[in-house]
Structures are given as structure tokens and as C-alpha cells.
Amino acid sequence: MEDEQVLGCIWLSETARLAPVRQAALLRACASGDAFLSMSARQAADLCGEMTAAESRRFANKSLRRAEEIARQNRDSGFRQLCFYDADFPKPLRHIPDPPAILYVQGRLPDFSSVPAIAVIGKRRASAYGLQIAEKMGYSLSRAGVVVVSGMAAGCDGAAHRGALKGGCPTVAVLGTPLDRCSPASNAALMRDIAAYGALVTEYPVGRPYTRSDFPRRNRLISGLSLGVVVCEAGRQSGTLQTAQLALDQGRDVFAIPGSVDSPNSEGTNELIASSGAQLVTTPQRVLAEYEGRWSALGLRPCEPSDAFRAAERSVNRKRRPQPVSAPRPAEPEKPEQECAGPPRGESVAAAYASAVPEGPQRTLLAALSAPMQIDELIELSGVPAADALQALTFLEIAGLVRRLPGKRFEKIQ
């Protein structure tokens, strides 16, 4: 027999289906999930506000048949169920405006009250620039002991997860689908790796049909689990910007990577920076510097990378590319699902990518940077147009190949 507290939360989410603001009020007003099952619609309305006629009818239906079927399917599939009242329900999610009543989990969910977590997100149809940034950001944050959270979407999300797996710490994917579905299908191998060495989380039960509207709704959980959100690439109208706004509404930090003013893929991130909605960052170290000295004050301790994650690194690299992992090659932008295998665990980002800088402005600038020089001098010497040079230098700085000096000067890191 399933725990009535869990069944009550499944029933509230799937049968009663109250508006988010009313569900949140009811969750916080009650001491346990089984309280909903003995409560009339009138009593519930006194706690959470006036219901619509449809909500009142659904709330009056106390049948647990659907909840019991969902619980059985999850148990048979080997998935965990965490209700709002469970001790190991992620504490950060208790305090967002519209917390989920129930979560379904595959893998080992970190304790978000004791380890730092940062979300890394970006466009689905990302450029090679955005994919490279997301991969490096995920890798470097993970190497620093941070749990990387993202949405396992095509493009930047998947790249961030792959980088995090190689960094050695768990990564958490918040899905817009049930655990028995993978979207996009091309991320099936990545999904298995995340489940084995991190965790998959969703509020949608096994067997439930999913729609496009489910993906924007899950974004509040990505930001809600995290101390801050790093936006690697975003167009002017995108779900990525919605997640950034949710993070601001939830009181989370928002960081954005600048991009070329001529790139539609960077319009959103540049606007976030210009409107002061996000802090401009160009390296993972700048994100980490925001929290320097704050981990202990927040009661957090960086993760210790586990040797078990070396297997994840080997697995991801084996599935993603036939070449040796010691010589990764930036991928073509039209194939985002095969992007960026990333540097091997234990090797610095700079060392792994120095010999694999793509042809074009990045390689030209790196070759021209024989000594510290001002950006105007570097542009004139290399012949790279100013707009392309600024974008290329941003990537080279993120990759750890160059460093920015006072007076708009740059130098190569040897």
C-alpha cells in the first residue's frame, strides 16, 4: 500500500489540478499530503482562496484510482516519488512561489541544502559559440564542486550537462517530459549518463502525454533548484529568457555571456546585460567569484568529485565521437546534438583546447597575440573585424587561452 501522504500529493497534482497559486497556498497551509483527502472543497477554499467551479468539482472527487496507478507505474519503473512534505524533497523548491506537490526522480538527487547548484542554460538551436561556452561552463563549475542544473534540451543545455559529467560532480536534468520519455530523442545516451551519475527530475508522471506547454512550466524548477542561472546564449524571444526572469522573480542570481551585437543568438543575453537584469561574465571563474566566501555562510560545501564519474566521461566520449578524447574538436553548428565532447577529466580547459581552436577569428587572434597588446592593436595586426574579434576573444577568455588585462589589453596564457 502506498503512503497516503504521497498519494494525496499525486491526487492534488493530477486529479484536483488547482491553479498554481491555490495549490501553493494549500501545500503550505497543510501539515501533510493526506490532509487533502479528508477536506471538502469549501474547507480548501478557506485555505487557498476561492476556486473555480471546475476546480471545486475536481477537488470533490476523492477517487485515488489515478494516483494509485501512477504510484504503481513509478514503483514498477524503479523511479522515486518525493512529495512536498518528504524530508528529502529539495528545500529550495519549498520556497518558490509555485512549488510542485510531487516530484519523480531517477538517479541520485543531491542534497540541495548542503551543496551548491548553478543552472547553465541557453538556446536549443545554438551556435558553435554558444555550445562551446555551455560545455566549458558546465565543465569548470563541476570541477569546482558545483552541481550543474539544466533542462537536457538540444543545444546549450545538453552541452552544459556533458561538460558537467566530465567535471566529476553530479548534474541534474529537469525534464519537461515524464521519466519514460526523452526529448529530444537524440539525447537518449546523455539521459542515461545523467541518470547513472546524477539525477533526472520531473513533475510529470510516467505515461502522461506531454505538450509544448510543459517545457516552459518546468523552467521554474531549473531556476528554483539553483543559487544562480548562467545564460550562455539566448535570442530576443526565447524560453531561456523566461527562465532568467523566473530566476530574478525567485531572488536568484542571473549571469549572462555577452555575444556579438550582430548575432540574433546573442540578442537576449546582450539585452539582459544592458537592462541590468544579469551580471556580465566571461569566464566560469567570474561566476564562482560571486560566491567566494559565501558557501559556508549559506551552509553549503562544494561536492567532492568522485572517481565514478570517470566512467561517465569515457561513456559520453565513446558515444559522441570516435576520436580520442584527448583531442576534442569543436563541432559544426548545424549538428548540436553531437557538439563538444569537452576536455578529459583532470586536464585543464586551456590545455585541452589550445591545439583545437577552430579555424577563423579565434585561431588568427591567438596566433597574433605574441605579447600583451591592446585590443585595437590586436585587431589591426590580425586583420579580424572588430565585431568578430570581440566575440572570438570572449570565447578564448572563457576557454582559458587568453586573459584580459587592465587598459583593454589581452595576453596569451602559456
Protein backbone atom coordinates (compact mmCIF):
# COMPACT_ATOMS: atom_id res chain seq x y z
CA MET A 1 0.00 0.00 0.00
CA GLU A 2 1.40 3.38 -1.00
CA ASP A 3 1.93 6.10 1.58
CA GLU A 4 -1.28 8.14 1.74
CA GLN A 5 0.78 11.29 2.03
CA VAL A 6 2.36 10.60 -1.36
CA LEU A 7 -0.98 9.55 -2.84
CA GLY A 8 -2.52 12.77 -1.54
CA CYS A 9 0.10 14.87 -3.30
CA ILE A 10 -0.25 12.92 -6.55
CA TRP A 11 -4.04 13.33 -6.28
CA LEU A 12 -3.67 17.09 -5.71
CA SER A 13 -1.39 17.43 -8.74
CA GLU A 14 -3.15 15.10 -11.19
CA THR A 15 -6.82 14.97 -10.12
CA ALA A 16 -7.58 18.23 -8.33
CA ARG A 17 -5.34 20.28 -10.67
CA LEU A 18 -5.72 23.60 -8.89
CA ALA A 19 -4.27 26.82 -10.24
CA PRO A 20 -0.58 27.12 -9.18
CA VAL A 21 -1.23 29.92 -6.68
CA ARG A 22 -4.02 27.95 -4.97
CA GLN A 23 -2.04 24.70 -4.94
CA ALA A 24 0.92 26.50 -3.36
CA ALA A 25 -1.28 28.04 -0.66
CA LEU A 26 -2.85 24.67 0.13
CA LEU A 27 0.52 22.89 0.30
CA ARG A 28 1.81 25.44 2.78
CA ALA A 29 -1.37 25.54 4.85
CA CYS A 30 -1.45 21.77 5.46
CA ALA A 31 0.90 19.64 7.51
CA SER A 32 0.74 16.54 5.31
CA GLY A 33 -0.47 15.32 1.93
CA ASP A 34 -3.22 13.08 3.27
CA ALA A 35 -4.98 16.15 4.72
CA PHE A 36 -6.33 16.99 1.25
CA LEU A 37 -8.18 13.68 1.07
CA SER A 38 -10.43 14.41 4.07
CA MET A 39 -11.02 18.06 3.19
CA SER A 40 -14.09 19.46 1.47
CA ALA A 41 -13.81 21.91 -1.38
CA ARG A 42 -15.24 24.61 0.89
CA GLN A 43 -12.63 23.95 3.57
CA ALA A 44 -9.88 24.02 0.94
CA ALA A 45 -11.16 27.32 -0.46
CA ASP A 46 -10.92 28.84 3.02
CA LEU A 47 -7.21 27.99 2.98
CA CYS A 48 -6.23 28.70 -0.61
CA GLY A 49 -8.80 31.14 -1.98
CA GLU A 50 -11.98 30.83 -3.98
CA MET A 51 -11.89 28.00 -6.52
CA THR A 52 -13.44 27.96 -9.96
CA ALA A 53 -16.47 25.72 -10.45
CA ALA A 54 -14.31 23.19 -12.34
CA GLU A 55 -11.70 23.15 -9.57
CA SER A 56 -14.40 22.60 -6.92
CA ARG A 57 -15.79 19.63 -8.86
CA ARG A 58 -12.37 18.09 -9.28
CA PHE A 59 -11.50 18.66 -5.63
CA ALA A 60 -14.70 16.93 -4.55
CA ASN A 61 -13.66 13.82 -6.49
CA LYS A 62 -11.69 11.86 -3.88
CA SER A 63 -11.05 8.80 -6.03
CA LEU A 64 -7.44 7.63 -5.67
CA ARG A 65 -7.57 5.30 -8.65
CA ARG A 66 -5.44 7.59 -10.85
CA ALA A 67 -2.98 8.37 -8.03
CA GLU A 68 -2.56 4.68 -7.18
CA GLU A 69 -1.96 3.79 -10.83
CA ILE A 70 0.70 6.50 -11.13
CA ALA A 71 2.40 5.32 -7.94
CA ARG A 72 2.37 1.72 -9.15
CA GLN A 73 3.84 2.62 -12.53
CA ASN A 74 6.63 4.59 -10.90
CA ARG A 75 7.40 1.80 -8.45
CA ASP A 76 7.48 -0.76 -11.28
CA SER A 77 9.79 1.50 -13.30
CA GLY A 78 12.19 1.96 -10.38
CA PHE A 79 11.60 5.69 -10.06
CA ARG A 80 11.40 7.55 -6.74
CA GLN A 81 8.50 9.75 -5.71
CA LEU A 82 9.13 12.75 -3.48
CA CYS A 83 6.19 14.69 -2.16
CA PHE A 84 6.29 18.26 -0.84
CA TYR A 85 6.32 17.01 2.77
CA ASP A 86 9.13 14.46 2.46
CA ALA A 87 12.33 15.23 4.35
CA ASP A 88 14.43 14.80 1.20
CA PHE A 89 12.23 16.97 -1.02
CA PRO A 90 14.59 19.71 -2.37
CA LYS A 91 14.38 22.51 0.17
CA PRO A 92 14.96 25.36 -2.33
CA LEU A 93 11.78 24.34 -4.14
CA ARG A 94 9.67 24.69 -0.99
CA HIS A 95 10.12 28.44 -1.14
CA ILE A 96 9.42 29.28 -4.79
CA PRO A 97 6.00 30.86 -5.47
CA ASP A 98 4.56 27.74 -7.15
CA PRO A 99 6.27 24.58 -5.82
CA PRO A 100 5.35 21.16 -7.19
CA ALA A 101 3.30 18.86 -4.99
CA ILE A 102 5.19 15.80 -6.23
CA LEU A 103 8.48 15.06 -7.98
CA TYR A 104 9.54 11.91 -9.82
CA VAL A 105 13.25 11.14 -9.69
CA GLN A 106 15.62 8.75 -11.43
CA GLY A 107 19.17 8.59 -10.16
CA ARG A 108 20.70 10.10 -7.06
CA LEU A 109 19.39 13.56 -6.27
CA PRO A 110 21.95 15.78 -4.46
CA ASP A 111 21.07 17.42 -1.17
CA PHE A 112 20.50 20.97 -2.37
CA SER A 113 20.57 22.27 1.19
CA SER A 114 24.23 21.27 1.57
CA VAL A 115 25.84 21.51 -1.89
CA PRO A 116 25.95 24.50 -4.28
CA ALA A 117 23.96 24.29 -7.51
CA ILE A 118 24.09 26.63 -10.51
CA ALA A 119 21.96 26.37 -13.66
CA VAL A 120 23.57 26.66 -17.09
CA ILE A 121 21.08 27.24 -19.90
CA GLY A 122 20.86 28.54 -23.46
CA LYS A 123 19.31 28.22 -26.88
CA ARG A 124 18.19 24.93 -28.36
CA ARG A 125 19.34 25.99 -31.83
CA ALA A 126 22.64 27.20 -30.50
CA SER A 127 25.63 28.38 -32.45
CA ALA A 128 29.01 26.70 -32.14
CA TYR A 129 29.99 29.66 -29.95
CA GLY A 130 27.08 29.05 -27.54
CA LEU A 131 27.70 25.31 -27.41
CA GLN A 132 31.39 25.78 -26.65
CA ILE A 133 30.62 28.24 -23.87
CA ALA A 134 27.99 26.00 -22.29
CA GLU A 135 30.33 23.00 -22.37
CA LYS A 136 33.20 24.91 -20.76
CA MET A 137 30.91 26.50 -18.18
CA GLY A 138 29.45 23.12 -17.18
CA TYR A 139 32.88 21.53 -17.02
CA SER A 140 34.56 24.27 -14.96
CA LEU A 141 31.69 24.68 -12.49
CA SER A 142 31.58 20.93 -11.96
CA ARG A 143 35.35 20.81 -11.44
CA ALA A 144 34.88 23.45 -8.73
CA GLY A 145 32.40 21.22 -6.88
CA VAL A 146 29.16 22.77 -8.15
CA VAL A 147 26.10 20.74 -9.15
CA VAL A 148 25.15 21.89 -12.66
CA VAL A 149 21.40 22.06 -13.30
CA SER A 150 19.87 22.33 -16.77
CA GLY A 151 16.96 21.12 -18.89
CA MET A 152 18.59 18.45 -21.11
CA ALA A 153 17.25 20.22 -24.20
CA ALA A 154 19.11 20.19 -27.50
CA GLY A 155 21.81 22.81 -27.80
CA CYS A 156 23.28 24.60 -24.80
CA ASP A 157 21.50 22.54 -22.12
CA GLY A 158 22.88 19.25 -23.41
CA ALA A 159 26.35 20.77 -23.82
CA ALA A 160 26.30 22.00 -20.20
CA HIS A 161 25.36 18.53 -18.94
CA ARG A 162 28.15 16.89 -20.96
CA GLY A 163 30.68 19.31 -19.59
CA ALA A 164 29.45 18.74 -16.05
CA LEU A 165 29.72 14.97 -16.39
CA LYS A 166 33.37 15.35 -17.32
CA GLY A 167 33.97 17.71 -14.43
CA GLY A 168 33.27 14.96 -11.92
CA CYS A 169 30.24 16.18 -9.93
CA PRO A 170 26.59 15.20 -10.31
CA THR A 171 24.48 17.05 -12.85
CA VAL A 172 20.70 17.34 -12.58
CA ALA A 173 18.36 17.50 -15.57
CA VAL A 174 14.88 18.91 -15.01
CA LEU A 175 12.66 17.39 -17.68
CA GLY A 176 9.58 18.73 -19.40
CA THR A 177 8.51 15.12 -20.01
CA PRO A 178 7.86 12.04 -17.86
CA LEU A 179 10.88 9.93 -16.98
CA ASP A 180 9.92 7.29 -19.55
CA ARG A 181 10.22 9.76 -22.44
CA CYS A 182 13.28 11.50 -23.86
CA SER A 183 13.04 14.84 -25.64
CA PRO A 184 14.89 15.28 -27.88
CA ALA A 185 15.33 11.60 -28.78
CA SER A 186 18.93 12.34 -29.81
CA ASN A 187 19.76 12.90 -26.12
CA ALA A 188 18.89 9.33 -25.12
CA ALA A 189 22.51 8.39 -24.39
CA LEU A 190 23.05 11.60 -22.44
CA MET A 191 19.87 10.92 -20.47
CA ARG A 192 21.21 7.50 -19.44
CA ASP A 193 24.52 9.01 -18.33
CA ILE A 194 22.81 11.70 -16.25
CA ALA A 195 20.61 9.08 -14.57
CA ALA A 196 23.69 6.95 -13.80
CA TYR A 197 25.92 9.74 -12.46
CA GLY A 198 23.44 12.44 -11.43
CA ALA A 199 19.67 12.69 -11.46
CA LEU A 200 16.65 13.25 -13.70
CA VAL A 201 13.74 15.15 -12.15
CA THR A 202 10.23 15.88 -13.39
CA GLU A 203 6.79 16.71 -12.02
CA TYR A 204 5.08 14.76 -14.81
CA PRO A 205 4.14 11.11 -14.10
CA VAL A 206 5.04 8.09 -16.22
CA GLY A 207 2.65 7.56 -19.11
CA ARG A 208 1.31 11.11 -19.14
CA PRO A 209 1.11 12.67 -22.62
CA TYR A 210 3.21 15.81 -22.73
CA THR A 211 2.76 19.03 -24.68
CA ARG A 212 4.91 22.01 -25.62
CA SER A 213 3.47 23.98 -22.69
CA ASP A 214 5.01 21.52 -20.21
CA PHE A 215 8.54 22.70 -21.05
CA PRO A 216 8.13 26.37 -20.06
CA ARG A 217 6.46 25.27 -16.83
CA ARG A 218 9.42 23.14 -15.80
CA ASN A 219 11.74 26.16 -16.14
CA ARG A 220 10.72 27.45 -12.68
CA LEU A 221 12.22 24.26 -11.22
CA ILE A 222 15.55 24.74 -13.04
CA SER A 223 15.96 28.20 -11.53
CA GLY A 224 14.36 27.19 -8.24
CA LEU A 225 16.93 24.48 -7.55
CA SER A 226 19.84 26.83 -8.23
CA LEU A 227 21.65 29.65 -6.48
CA GLY A 228 22.13 31.35 -9.81
CA VAL A 229 21.49 30.92 -13.53
CA VAL A 230 24.11 31.36 -16.27
CA VAL A 231 22.61 32.26 -19.66
CA CYS A 232 25.07 31.23 -22.37
CA GLU A 233 23.08 32.24 -25.43
CA ALA A 234 19.52 33.49 -25.97
CA GLY A 235 17.51 35.11 -28.72
CA ARG A 236 15.23 38.05 -28.11
CA GLN A 237 12.17 35.81 -27.72
CA SER A 238 13.03 32.51 -26.07
CA GLY A 239 12.27 30.15 -23.21
CA THR A 240 15.78 30.81 -21.96
CA LEU A 241 14.85 34.41 -21.18
CA GLN A 242 11.74 33.17 -19.41
CA THR A 243 13.92 31.06 -17.13
CA ALA A 244 16.13 34.08 -16.45
CA GLN A 245 13.08 36.14 -15.50
CA LEU A 246 11.81 33.35 -13.24
CA ALA A 247 15.22 33.30 -11.56
CA LEU A 248 15.01 37.05 -10.91
CA ASP A 249 11.48 36.65 -9.54
CA GLN A 250 12.72 33.89 -7.23
CA GLY A 251 15.60 36.04 -5.97
CA ARG A 252 18.30 34.02 -7.74
CA ASP A 253 21.44 35.49 -9.30
CA VAL A 254 21.46 35.78 -13.10
CA PHE A 255 24.63 35.85 -15.19
CA ALA A 256 24.90 36.29 -18.96
CA ILE A 257 27.65 35.70 -21.51
CA PRO A 258 27.92 38.58 -23.99
CA GLY A 259 27.91 37.89 -27.70
CA SER A 260 28.30 39.70 -30.98
CA VAL A 261 25.89 42.60 -31.50
CA ASP A 262 25.31 41.22 -35.00
CA SER A 263 24.25 37.76 -33.80
CA PRO A 264 20.49 37.06 -33.32
CA ASN A 265 21.52 34.27 -30.93
CA SER A 266 23.01 36.84 -28.55
CA GLU A 267 20.27 39.47 -28.66
CA GLY A 268 18.67 38.11 -25.49
CA THR A 269 21.86 37.82 -23.45
CA ASN A 270 23.08 41.25 -24.52
CA GLU A 271 19.71 42.76 -23.60
CA LEU A 272 19.79 41.05 -20.19
CA ILE A 273 23.13 42.70 -19.53
CA ALA A 274 22.07 46.09 -20.90
CA SER A 275 18.90 46.14 -18.77
CA SER A 276 20.89 45.20 -15.64
CA GLY A 277 18.86 42.04 -15.33
CA ALA A 278 22.04 39.97 -15.42
CA GLN A 279 25.68 40.32 -14.46
CA LEU A 280 28.10 40.19 -17.38
CA VAL A 281 30.50 37.28 -17.04
CA THR A 282 33.10 35.97 -19.45
CA THR A 283 34.58 33.04 -17.51
CA PRO A 284 33.36 30.38 -15.09
CA GLN A 285 35.79 31.86 -12.57
CA ARG A 286 33.80 35.09 -12.56
CA VAL A 287 30.65 33.18 -11.70
CA LEU A 288 32.46 31.34 -8.91
CA ALA A 289 33.96 34.59 -7.62
CA GLU A 290 30.43 35.84 -6.90
CA TYR A 291 30.12 33.12 -4.27
CA GLU A 292 33.65 33.23 -2.90
CA GLY A 293 33.43 33.09 0.85
CA ARG A 294 29.67 32.58 0.77
CA TRP A 295 29.48 28.78 0.66
CA SER A 296 29.98 28.35 4.42
CA ALA A 297 27.66 31.25 5.23
CA LEU A 298 24.97 29.55 3.18
CA GLY A 299 25.65 26.21 4.85
CA LEU A 300 26.99 24.76 1.60
CA ARG A 301 30.08 22.73 0.84
CA PRO A 302 31.33 22.04 -2.70
CA CYS A 303 30.99 18.46 -3.92
CA GLU A 304 33.99 16.18 -3.92
CA PRO A 305 34.35 14.81 -7.48
CA SER A 306 34.02 11.05 -7.46
CA ASP A 307 36.18 8.64 -9.41
CA ALA A 308 32.93 7.01 -10.52
CA PHE A 309 32.41 9.93 -12.87
CA ARG A 310 35.44 8.93 -14.91
CA ALA A 311 33.26 6.16 -16.26
CA ALA A 312 30.68 8.76 -17.29
CA GLU A 313 33.37 10.72 -19.09
CA ARG A 314 34.54 7.67 -21.00
CA SER A 315 30.95 6.71 -21.81
CA VAL A 316 29.96 10.12 -23.13
CA ASN A 317 33.10 10.49 -25.21
CA ARG A 318 32.74 6.98 -26.63
CA LYS A 319 29.16 7.61 -27.68
CA ARG A 320 29.73 11.11 -29.00
CA ARG A 321 32.80 10.71 -31.17
CA PRO A 322 35.21 8.04 -32.41
CA GLN A 323 38.33 10.22 -31.96
CA PRO A 324 40.47 10.02 -28.80
CA VAL A 325 39.09 12.23 -26.04
CA SER A 326 42.45 13.96 -25.64
CA ALA A 327 41.93 15.86 -28.87
CA PRO A 328 38.34 17.19 -28.89
CA ARG A 329 37.20 19.16 -31.91
CA PRO A 330 34.58 21.93 -31.88
CA ALA A 331 31.58 20.64 -33.78
CA GLU A 332 29.63 22.10 -36.67
CA PRO A 333 26.76 24.39 -35.61
CA GLU A 334 24.17 22.51 -37.66
CA LYS A 335 24.63 19.34 -35.54
CA PRO A 336 24.06 20.47 -31.96
CA GLU A 337 23.35 17.01 -30.64
CA GLN A 338 26.96 15.98 -31.37
CA GLU A 339 28.70 19.08 -30.10
CA CYS A 340 31.72 19.48 -27.94
CA ALA A 341 32.97 16.35 -26.27
CA GLY A 342 34.93 18.64 -23.94
CA PRO A 343 38.24 18.22 -22.19
CA PRO A 344 39.07 14.99 -20.37
CA ARG A 345 38.73 14.99 -16.61
CA GLY A 346 41.97 16.05 -14.99
CA GLU A 347 43.16 18.10 -17.98
CA SER A 348 42.83 21.88 -17.97
CA VAL A 349 40.43 23.52 -20.39
CA ALA A 350 43.28 25.55 -21.90
CA ALA A 351 45.49 22.53 -22.48
CA ALA A 352 42.68 20.51 -24.00
CA TYR A 353 41.58 23.19 -26.42
CA ALA A 354 44.75 25.06 -27.29
CA SER A 355 45.50 22.71 -30.17
CA ALA A 356 41.89 22.54 -31.29
CA VAL A 357 40.96 26.21 -31.66
CA PRO A 358 38.67 26.39 -34.70
CA GLU A 359 39.84 27.93 -37.95
CA GLY A 360 38.85 31.56 -38.28
CA PRO A 361 38.99 34.60 -35.99
CA GLN A 362 39.85 32.64 -32.83
CA ARG A 363 42.92 30.96 -34.29
CA THR A 364 44.00 34.13 -36.11
CA LEU A 365 43.81 36.23 -32.96
CA LEU A 366 45.60 33.62 -30.86
CA ALA A 367 48.43 33.44 -33.40
CA ALA A 368 48.75 37.23 -33.50
CA LEU A 369 48.82 37.59 -29.71
CA SER A 370 52.55 37.05 -29.30
CA ALA A 371 52.77 39.59 -26.47
CA PRO A 372 50.28 41.55 -24.35
CA MET A 373 48.61 44.15 -26.53
CA GLN A 374 45.61 46.44 -26.65
CA ILE A 375 42.54 45.23 -28.46
CA ASP A 376 42.79 47.88 -31.20
CA GLU A 377 46.38 46.89 -31.86
CA LEU A 378 45.43 43.21 -31.96
CA ILE A 379 42.59 43.88 -34.41
CA GLU A 380 44.87 45.86 -36.70
CA LEU A 381 47.65 43.27 -36.56
CA SER A 382 45.37 40.27 -37.13
CA GLY A 383 43.05 41.84 -39.69
CA VAL A 384 40.00 40.37 -37.89
CA PRO A 385 36.92 42.68 -37.99
CA ALA A 386 36.17 44.32 -34.64
CA ALA A 387 32.79 42.60 -34.09
CA ASP A 388 34.26 39.15 -34.82
CA ALA A 389 37.30 39.88 -32.68
CA LEU A 390 35.23 40.76 -29.60
CA GLN A 391 33.23 37.53 -29.85
CA ALA A 392 36.31 35.42 -30.53
CA LEU A 393 38.22 36.96 -27.61
CA THR A 394 35.29 36.23 -25.31
CA PHE A 395 35.45 32.55 -26.21
CA LEU A 396 39.24 32.42 -25.90
CA GLU A 397 38.96 34.00 -22.44
CA ILE A 398 36.28 31.52 -21.37
CA ALA A 399 38.42 28.65 -22.66
CA GLY A 400 41.30 29.92 -20.57
CA LEU A 401 43.54 30.62 -23.55
CA VAL A 402 43.83 34.38 -23.05
CA ARG A 403 43.38 36.74 -20.12
CA ARG A 404 42.08 40.29 -20.02
CA LEU A 405 44.44 42.92 -18.59
CA PRO A 406 43.77 46.49 -17.45
CA GLY A 407 43.61 49.07 -20.22
CA LYS A 408 41.72 46.86 -22.69
CA ARG A 409 44.76 44.67 -23.18
CA PHE A 410 44.93 40.91 -23.67
CA GLU A 411 47.68 38.35 -23.31
CA LYS A 412 48.02 34.69 -24.22
CA ILE A 413 48.09 32.18 -21.36
CA GLN A 414 51.05 29.89 -21.90
